[in-house]
PDB file of N, CA and C in Angstrom:
ATOM      1  N   MET A   1       2.219 -10.482  -0.221  1.00  0.00           N
ATOM      2  CA  MET A   1       1.883  -9.126   0.121  1.00  0.00           C
ATOM      3  C   MET A   1       0.727  -9.150   1.107  1.00  0.00           C
ATOM      4  N   LYS A   2       0.950  -8.490   2.251  1.00  0.00           N
ATOM      5  CA  LYS A   2      -0.036  -8.529   3.322  1.00  0.00           C
ATOM      6  C   LYS A   2      -0.346  -7.096   3.771  1.00  0.00           C
ATOM      7  N   PRO A   3      -1.620  -6.686   3.766  1.00  0.00           N
ATOM      8  CA  PRO A   3      -1.948  -5.329   4.210  1.00  0.00           C
ATOM      9  C   PRO A   3      -1.725  -5.164   5.709  1.00  0.00           C
ATOM     10  N   ILE A   4      -1.311  -3.979   6.095  1.00  0.00           N
ATOM     11  CA  ILE A   4      -1.062  -3.664   7.498  1.00  0.00           C
ATOM     12  C   ILE A   4      -2.240  -2.860   8.033  1.00  0.00           C
ATOM     13  N   VAL A   5      -2.748  -3.280   9.205  1.00  0.00           N
ATOM     14  CA  VAL A   5      -3.874  -2.585   9.826  1.00  0.00           C
ATOM     15  C   VAL A   5      -3.448  -2.138  11.219  1.00  0.00           C
ATOM     16  N   THR A   6      -2.983  -0.913  11.298  1.00  0.00           N
ATOM     17  CA  THR A   6      -2.679  -0.297  12.580  1.00  0.00           C
ATOM     18  C   THR A   6      -3.399   1.047  12.607  1.00  0.00           C
ATOM     19  N   GLU A   7      -3.399   1.684  13.747  1.00  0.00           N
ATOM     20  CA  GLU A   7      -4.046   2.986  13.855  1.00  0.00           C
ATOM     21  C   GLU A   7      -3.392   3.986  12.905  1.00  0.00           C
ATOM     22  N   LYS A   8      -2.062   3.945  12.839  1.00  0.00           N
ATOM     23  CA  LYS A   8      -1.327   4.852  11.951  1.00  0.00           C
ATOM     24  C   LYS A   8      -1.644   4.543  10.481  1.00  0.00           C
ATOM     25  N   ALA A   9      -1.705   3.273  10.122  1.00  0.00           N
ATOM     26  CA  ALA A   9      -1.977   2.879   8.733  1.00  0.00           C
ATOM     27  C   ALA A   9      -3.373   3.331   8.313  1.00  0.00           C
ATOM     28  N   VAL A  10      -4.363   3.192   9.189  1.00  0.00           N
ATOM     29  CA  VAL A  10      -5.727   3.613   8.878  1.00  0.00           C
ATOM     30  C   VAL A  10      -5.783   5.133   8.738  1.00  0.00           C
ATOM     31  N   MET A  11      -5.053   5.848   9.578  1.00  0.00           N
ATOM     32  CA  MET A  11      -5.010   7.305   9.487  1.00  0.00           C
ATOM     33  C   MET A  11      -4.391   7.738   8.145  1.00  0.00           C
ATOM     34  N   MET A  12      -3.352   7.040   7.700  1.00  0.00           N
ATOM     35  CA  MET A  12      -2.709   7.356   6.425  1.00  0.00           C
ATOM     36  C   MET A  12      -3.650   7.079   5.251  1.00  0.00           C
ATOM     37  N   ILE A  13      -4.465   6.029   5.355  1.00  0.00           N
ATOM     38  CA  ILE A  13      -5.454   5.724   4.308  1.00  0.00           C
ATOM     39  C   ILE A  13      -6.428   6.890   4.179  1.00  0.00           C
ATOM     40  N   GLU A  14      -6.921   7.373   5.311  1.00  0.00           N
ATOM     41  CA  GLU A  14      -7.955   8.403   5.305  1.00  0.00           C
ATOM     42  C   GLU A  14      -7.426   9.788   4.942  1.00  0.00           C
ATOM     43  N   THR A  15      -6.209  10.130   5.381  1.00  0.00           N
ATOM     44  CA  THR A  15      -5.725  11.502   5.201  1.00  0.00           C
ATOM     45  C   THR A  15      -4.799  11.671   4.005  1.00  0.00           C
ATOM     46  N   GLN A  16      -3.978  10.651   3.684  1.00  0.00           N
ATOM     47  CA  GLN A  16      -2.945  10.822   2.656  1.00  0.00           C
ATOM     48  C   GLN A  16      -3.124   9.918   1.448  1.00  0.00           C
ATOM     49  N   ASN A  17      -4.174   9.079   1.436  1.00  0.00           N
ATOM     50  CA  ASN A  17      -4.429   8.163   0.312  1.00  0.00           C
ATOM     51  C   ASN A  17      -3.287   7.152   0.143  1.00  0.00           C
ATOM     52  N   ILE A  18      -2.765   6.660   1.283  1.00  0.00           N
ATOM     53  CA  ILE A  18      -1.634   5.723   1.286  1.00  0.00           C
ATOM     54  C   ILE A  18      -2.062   4.396   1.902  1.00  0.00           C
ATOM     55  N   LEU A  19      -1.738   3.304   1.200  1.00  0.00           N
ATOM     56  CA  LEU A  19      -1.941   1.954   1.722  1.00  0.00           C
ATOM     57  C   LEU A  19      -0.597   1.404   2.175  1.00  0.00           C
ATOM     58  N   THR A  20      -0.599   0.599   3.236  1.00  0.00           N
ATOM     59  CA  THR A  20       0.629   0.030   3.771  1.00  0.00           C
ATOM     60  C   THR A  20       0.580  -1.491   3.650  1.00  0.00           C
ATOM     61  N   PHE A  21       1.658  -2.078   3.110  1.00  0.00           N
ATOM     62  CA  PHE A  21       1.741  -3.526   2.938  1.00  0.00           C
ATOM     63  C   PHE A  21       3.071  -4.045   3.456  1.00  0.00           C
ATOM     64  N   GLU A  22       3.039  -5.274   3.978  1.00  0.00           N
ATOM     65  CA  GLU A  22       4.276  -5.997   4.247  1.00  0.00           C
ATOM     66  C   GLU A  22       4.565  -6.803   2.983  1.00  0.00           C
ATOM     67  N   VAL A  23       5.754  -6.637   2.415  1.00  0.00           N
ATOM     68  CA  VAL A  23       6.079  -7.268   1.139  1.00  0.00           C
ATOM     69  C   VAL A  23       7.339  -8.122   1.258  1.00  0.00           C
ATOM     70  N   ASP A  24       7.562  -8.933   0.248  1.00  0.00           N
ATOM     71  CA  ASP A  24       8.762  -9.762   0.163  1.00  0.00           C
ATOM     72  C   ASP A  24       9.979  -8.856   0.030  1.00  0.00           C
ATOM     73  N   ARG A  25      11.021  -9.133   0.789  1.00  0.00           N
ATOM     74  CA  ARG A  25      12.220  -8.284   0.776  1.00  0.00           C
ATOM     75  C   ARG A  25      12.900  -8.244  -0.582  1.00  0.00           C
ATOM     76  N   ARG A  26      12.678  -9.253  -1.414  1.00  0.00           N
ATOM     77  CA  ARG A  26      13.365  -9.313  -2.712  1.00  0.00           C
ATOM     78  C   ARG A  26      12.712  -8.426  -3.765  1.00  0.00           C
ATOM     79  N   LEU A  27      11.491  -7.941  -3.510  1.00  0.00           N
ATOM     80  CA  LEU A  27      10.786  -7.107  -4.492  1.00  0.00           C
ATOM     81  C   LEU A  27      11.331  -5.685  -4.484  1.00  0.00           C
ATOM     82  N   ASN A  28      11.490  -5.117  -5.691  1.00  0.00           N
ATOM     83  CA  ASN A  28      11.868  -3.706  -5.759  1.00  0.00           C
ATOM     84  C   ASN A  28      10.609  -2.861  -5.967  1.00  0.00           C
ATOM     85  N   LYS A  29      10.772  -1.538  -6.013  1.00  0.00           N
ATOM     86  CA  LYS A  29       9.616  -0.644  -6.092  1.00  0.00           C
ATOM     87  C   LYS A  29       8.811  -0.839  -7.369  1.00  0.00           C
ATOM     88  N   ASP A  30       9.502  -1.068  -8.501  1.00  0.00           N
ATOM     89  CA  ASP A  30       8.782  -1.280  -9.762  1.00  0.00           C
ATOM     90  C   ASP A  30       7.923  -2.530  -9.719  1.00  0.00           C
ATOM     91  N   GLU A  31       8.451  -3.607  -9.147  1.00  0.00           N
ATOM     92  CA  GLU A  31       7.697  -4.859  -9.049  1.00  0.00           C
ATOM     93  C   GLU A  31       6.481  -4.696  -8.127  1.00  0.00           C
ATOM     94  N   ILE A  32       6.672  -3.979  -7.020  1.00  0.00           N
ATOM     95  CA  ILE A  32       5.567  -3.734  -6.090  1.00  0.00           C
ATOM     96  C   ILE A  32       4.485  -2.916  -6.787  1.00  0.00           C
ATOM     97  N   LYS A  33       4.907  -1.879  -7.519  1.00  0.00           N
ATOM     98  CA  LYS A  33       3.958  -1.006  -8.233  1.00  0.00           C
ATOM     99  C   LYS A  33       3.138  -1.803  -9.237  1.00  0.00           C
ATOM    100  N   LYS A  34       3.795  -2.639 -10.044  1.00  0.00           N
ATOM    101  CA  LYS A  34       3.083  -3.432 -11.053  1.00  0.00           C
ATOM    102  C   LYS A  34       2.083  -4.376 -10.400  1.00  0.00           C
ATOM    103  N   GLU A  35       2.484  -4.999  -9.306  1.00  0.00           N
ATOM    104  CA  GLU A  35       1.604  -5.955  -8.638  1.00  0.00           C
ATOM    105  C   GLU A  35       0.373  -5.263  -8.030  1.00  0.00           C
ATOM    106  N   ILE A  36       0.566  -4.109  -7.396  1.00  0.00           N
ATOM    107  CA  ILE A  36      -0.557  -3.363  -6.808  1.00  0.00           C
ATOM    108  C   ILE A  36      -1.519  -2.920  -7.904  1.00  0.00           C
ATOM    109  N   GLU A  37      -0.966  -2.375  -8.997  1.00  0.00           N
ATOM    110  CA  GLU A  37      -1.825  -1.896 -10.086  1.00  0.00           C
ATOM    111  C   GLU A  37      -2.610  -3.038 -10.721  1.00  0.00           C
ATOM    112  N   LYS A  38      -1.974  -4.205 -10.844  1.00  0.00           N
ATOM    113  CA  LYS A  38      -2.647  -5.355 -11.445  1.00  0.00           C
ATOM    114  C   LYS A  38      -3.716  -5.926 -10.502  1.00  0.00           C
ATOM    115  N   LEU A  39      -3.387  -6.070  -9.232  1.00  0.00           N
ATOM    116  CA  LEU A  39      -4.315  -6.669  -8.271  1.00  0.00           C
ATOM    117  C   LEU A  39      -5.574  -5.833  -8.053  1.00  0.00           C
ATOM    118  N   PHE A  40      -5.404  -4.524  -7.910  1.00  0.00           N
ATOM    119  CA  PHE A  40      -6.520  -3.676  -7.508  1.00  0.00           C
ATOM    120  C   PHE A  40      -7.061  -2.790  -8.619  1.00  0.00           C
ATOM    121  N   GLY A  41      -6.416  -2.765  -9.790  1.00  0.00           N
ATOM    122  CA  GLY A  41      -6.886  -1.940 -10.898  1.00  0.00           C
ATOM    123  C   GLY A  41      -6.800  -0.452 -10.607  1.00  0.00           C
ATOM    124  N   VAL A  42      -5.718  -0.026  -9.963  1.00  0.00           N
ATOM    125  CA  VAL A  42      -5.514   1.382  -9.613  1.00  0.00           C
ATOM    126  C   VAL A  42      -4.213   1.878 -10.229  1.00  0.00           C
ATOM    127  N   LYS A  43      -3.965   3.176 -10.117  1.00  0.00           N
ATOM    128  CA  LYS A  43      -2.701   3.767 -10.556  1.00  0.00           C
ATOM    129  C   LYS A  43      -1.946   4.257  -9.330  1.00  0.00           C
ATOM    130  N   VAL A  44      -0.662   3.913  -9.260  1.00  0.00           N
ATOM    131  CA  VAL A  44       0.182   4.271  -8.126  1.00  0.00           C
ATOM    132  C   VAL A  44       0.946   5.545  -8.450  1.00  0.00           C
ATOM    133  N   GLU A  45       0.926   6.491  -7.508  1.00  0.00           N
ATOM    134  CA  GLU A  45       1.667   7.742  -7.684  1.00  0.00           C
ATOM    135  C   GLU A  45       3.102   7.606  -7.181  1.00  0.00           C
ATOM    136  N   GLU A  46       3.272   6.977  -5.990  1.00  0.00           N
ATOM    137  CA  GLU A  46       4.593   6.908  -5.368  1.00  0.00           C
ATOM    138  C   GLU A  46       4.648   5.708  -4.431  1.00  0.00           C
ATOM    139  N   ILE A  47       5.853   5.140  -4.290  1.00  0.00           N
ATOM    140  CA  ILE A  47       6.064   4.055  -3.337  1.00  0.00           C
ATOM    141  C   ILE A  47       7.292   4.382  -2.499  1.00  0.00           C
ATOM    142  N   ARG A  48       7.118   4.265  -1.189  1.00  0.00           N
ATOM    143  CA  ARG A  48       8.251   4.375  -0.267  1.00  0.00           C
ATOM    144  C   ARG A  48       8.387   3.027   0.421  1.00  0.00           C
ATOM    145  N   THR A  49       9.613   2.601   0.675  1.00  0.00           N
ATOM    146  CA  THR A  49       9.813   1.318   1.340  1.00  0.00           C
ATOM    147  C   THR A  49      10.609   1.517   2.622  1.00  0.00           C
ATOM    148  N   LEU A  50      10.407   0.587   3.549  1.00  0.00           N
ATOM    149  CA  LEU A  50      11.091   0.608   4.834  1.00  0.00           C
ATOM    150  C   LEU A  50      11.468  -0.829   5.166  1.00  0.00           C
ATOM    151  N   ILE A  51      12.731  -1.052   5.488  1.00  0.00           N
ATOM    152  CA  ILE A  51      13.163  -2.366   5.956  1.00  0.00           C
ATOM    153  C   ILE A  51      13.422  -2.247   7.452  1.00  0.00           C
ATOM    154  N   LYS A  52      12.684  -3.047   8.207  1.00  0.00           N
ATOM    155  CA  LYS A  52      12.779  -3.001   9.661  1.00  0.00           C
ATOM    156  C   LYS A  52      12.938  -4.434  10.154  1.00  0.00           C
ATOM    157  N   GLY A  53      14.108  -4.740  10.677  1.00  0.00           N
ATOM    158  CA  GLY A  53      14.373  -6.112  11.092  1.00  0.00           C
ATOM    159  C   GLY A  53      14.430  -7.009   9.879  1.00  0.00           C
ATOM    160  N   SER A  54      13.655  -8.062   9.891  1.00  0.00           N
ATOM    161  CA  SER A  54      13.638  -8.989   8.755  1.00  0.00           C
ATOM    162  C   SER A  54      12.447  -8.740   7.833  1.00  0.00           C
ATOM    163  N   LYS A  55      11.728  -7.637   8.048  1.00  0.00           N
ATOM    164  CA  LYS A  55      10.522  -7.368   7.265  1.00  0.00           C
ATOM    165  C   LYS A  55      10.700  -6.117   6.410  1.00  0.00           C
ATOM    166  N   LYS A  56      10.000  -6.088   5.290  1.00  0.00           N
ATOM    167  CA  LYS A  56      10.012  -4.929   4.401  1.00  0.00           C
ATOM    168  C   LYS A  56       8.580  -4.430   4.250  1.00  0.00           C
ATOM    169  N   TYR A  57       8.405  -3.122   4.424  1.00  0.00           N
ATOM    170  CA  TYR A  57       7.092  -2.505   4.321  1.00  0.00           C
ATOM    171  C   TYR A  57       7.076  -1.555   3.133  1.00  0.00           C
ATOM    172  N   ALA A  58       5.951  -1.504   2.435  1.00  0.00           N
ATOM    173  CA  ALA A  58       5.782  -0.598   1.307  1.00  0.00           C
ATOM    174  C   ALA A  58       4.621   0.339   1.610  1.00  0.00           C
ATOM    175  N   TYR A  59       4.901   1.631   1.492  1.00  0.00           N
ATOM    176  CA  TYR A  59       3.874   2.659   1.638  1.00  0.00           C
ATOM    177  C   TYR A  59       3.501   3.098   0.226  1.00  0.00           C
ATOM    178  N   VAL A  60       2.298   2.750  -0.197  1.00  0.00           N
ATOM    179  CA  VAL A  60       1.869   2.943  -1.578  1.00  0.00           C
ATOM    180  C   VAL A  60       0.875   4.099  -1.643  1.00  0.00           C
ATOM    181  N   LYS A  61       1.295   5.201  -2.264  1.00  0.00           N
ATOM    182  CA  LYS A  61       0.404   6.360  -2.437  1.00  0.00           C
ATOM    183  C   LYS A  61      -0.284   6.230  -3.782  1.00  0.00           C
ATOM    184  N   LEU A  62      -1.622   6.228  -3.742  1.00  0.00           N
ATOM    185  CA  LEU A  62      -2.410   6.103  -4.956  1.00  0.00           C
ATOM    186  C   LEU A  62      -2.691   7.476  -5.555  1.00  0.00           C
ATOM    187  N   LYS A  63      -2.926   7.507  -6.861  1.00  0.00           N
ATOM    188  CA  LYS A  63      -3.296   8.766  -7.526  1.00  0.00           C
ATOM    189  C   LYS A  63      -4.657   9.214  -7.006  1.00  0.00           C
ATOM    190  N   LYS A  64      -4.917  10.507  -7.101  1.00  0.00           N
ATOM    191  CA  LYS A  64      -6.137  11.096  -6.523  1.00  0.00           C
ATOM    192  C   LYS A  64      -7.432  10.498  -7.078  1.00  0.00           C
ATOM    193  N   ASP A  65      -7.385   9.981  -8.311  1.00  0.00           N
ATOM    194  CA  ASP A  65      -8.585   9.392  -8.922  1.00  0.00           C
ATOM    195  C   ASP A  65      -8.990   8.072  -8.270  1.00  0.00           C
ATOM    196  N   PHE A  66      -8.098   7.479  -7.480  1.00  0.00           N
ATOM    197  CA  PHE A  66      -8.329   6.160  -6.881  1.00  0.00           C
ATOM    198  C   PHE A  66      -8.244   6.272  -5.358  1.00  0.00           C
ATOM    199  N   PRO A  67      -9.389   6.396  -4.670  1.00  0.00           N
ATOM    200  CA  PRO A  67      -9.373   6.528  -3.210  1.00  0.00           C
ATOM    201  C   PRO A  67      -8.885   5.244  -2.518  1.00  0.00           C
ATOM    202  N   ALA A  68      -7.937   5.395  -1.617  1.00  0.00           N
ATOM    203  CA  ALA A  68      -7.410   4.256  -0.856  1.00  0.00           C
ATOM    204  C   ALA A  68      -8.485   3.667   0.048  1.00  0.00           C
ATOM    205  N   VAL A  69      -9.449   4.478   0.449  1.00  0.00           N
ATOM    206  CA  VAL A  69     -10.534   4.004   1.313  1.00  0.00           C
ATOM    207  C   VAL A  69     -11.318   2.891   0.616  1.00  0.00           C
ATOM    208  N   ASP A  70     -11.523   3.020  -0.702  1.00  0.00           N
ATOM    209  CA  ASP A  70     -12.250   1.987  -1.447  1.00  0.00           C
ATOM    210  C   ASP A  70     -11.510   0.657  -1.418  1.00  0.00           C
ATOM    211  N   ILE A  71     -10.208   0.694  -1.620  1.00  0.00           N
ATOM    212  CA  ILE A  71      -9.391  -0.529  -1.610  1.00  0.00           C
ATOM    213  C   ILE A  71      -9.379  -1.125  -0.206  1.00  0.00           C
ATOM    214  N   ALA A  72      -9.224  -0.283   0.812  1.00  0.00           N
ATOM    215  CA  ALA A  72      -9.217  -0.755   2.197  1.00  0.00           C
ATOM    216  C   ALA A  72     -10.541  -1.410   2.555  1.00  0.00           C
ATOM    217  N   THR A  73     -11.630  -0.864   2.064  1.00  0.00           N
ATOM    218  CA  THR A  73     -12.951  -1.448   2.323  1.00  0.00           C
ATOM    219  C   THR A  73     -13.073  -2.813   1.671  1.00  0.00           C
ATOM    220  N   LYS A  74     -12.586  -2.936   0.413  1.00  0.00           N
ATOM    221  CA  LYS A  74     -12.627  -4.230  -0.269  1.00  0.00           C
ATOM    222  C   LYS A  74     -11.811  -5.282   0.463  1.00  0.00           C
ATOM    223  N   LEU A  75     -10.682  -4.851   1.063  1.00  0.00           N
ATOM    224  CA  LEU A  75      -9.816  -5.776   1.796  1.00  0.00           C
ATOM    225  C   LEU A  75     -10.330  -6.051   3.217  1.00  0.00           C
ATOM    226  N   GLY A  76     -11.327  -5.294   3.657  1.00  0.00           N
ATOM    227  CA  GLY A  76     -11.878  -5.490   4.997  1.00  0.00           C
ATOM    228  C   GLY A  76     -11.052  -4.821   6.076  1.00  0.00           C
ATOM    229  N   LEU A  77     -10.256  -3.821   5.723  1.00  0.00           N
ATOM    230  CA  LEU A  77      -9.417  -3.133   6.696  1.00  0.00           C
ATOM    231  C   LEU A  77     -10.203  -2.083   7.471  1.00  0.00           C
ATOM    232  N   ILE A  78     -11.221  -1.523   6.824  1.00  0.00           N
ATOM    233  CA  ILE A  78     -12.015  -0.462   7.463  1.00  0.00           C
ATOM    234  C   ILE A  78     -13.469  -0.920   7.536  1.00  0.00           C
TER     235      ILE A  78
END
């Protein structure tokens, strides 16, 4: 799992509380959710996935109690 740092991804962190990751194509949404919650100690509200070419991206929306900005700061994205 690799965090994505683009202008759009940073804007989504700040405005919509969404983190973007490149994930293994074999993972389903439940597996991604469990891994994010375990790694960062947060609660996930929703996950959307996108398969583009040979890569799979996960858009992870965190619950309001857990600011995505805090996680992004810990990862060094912002």
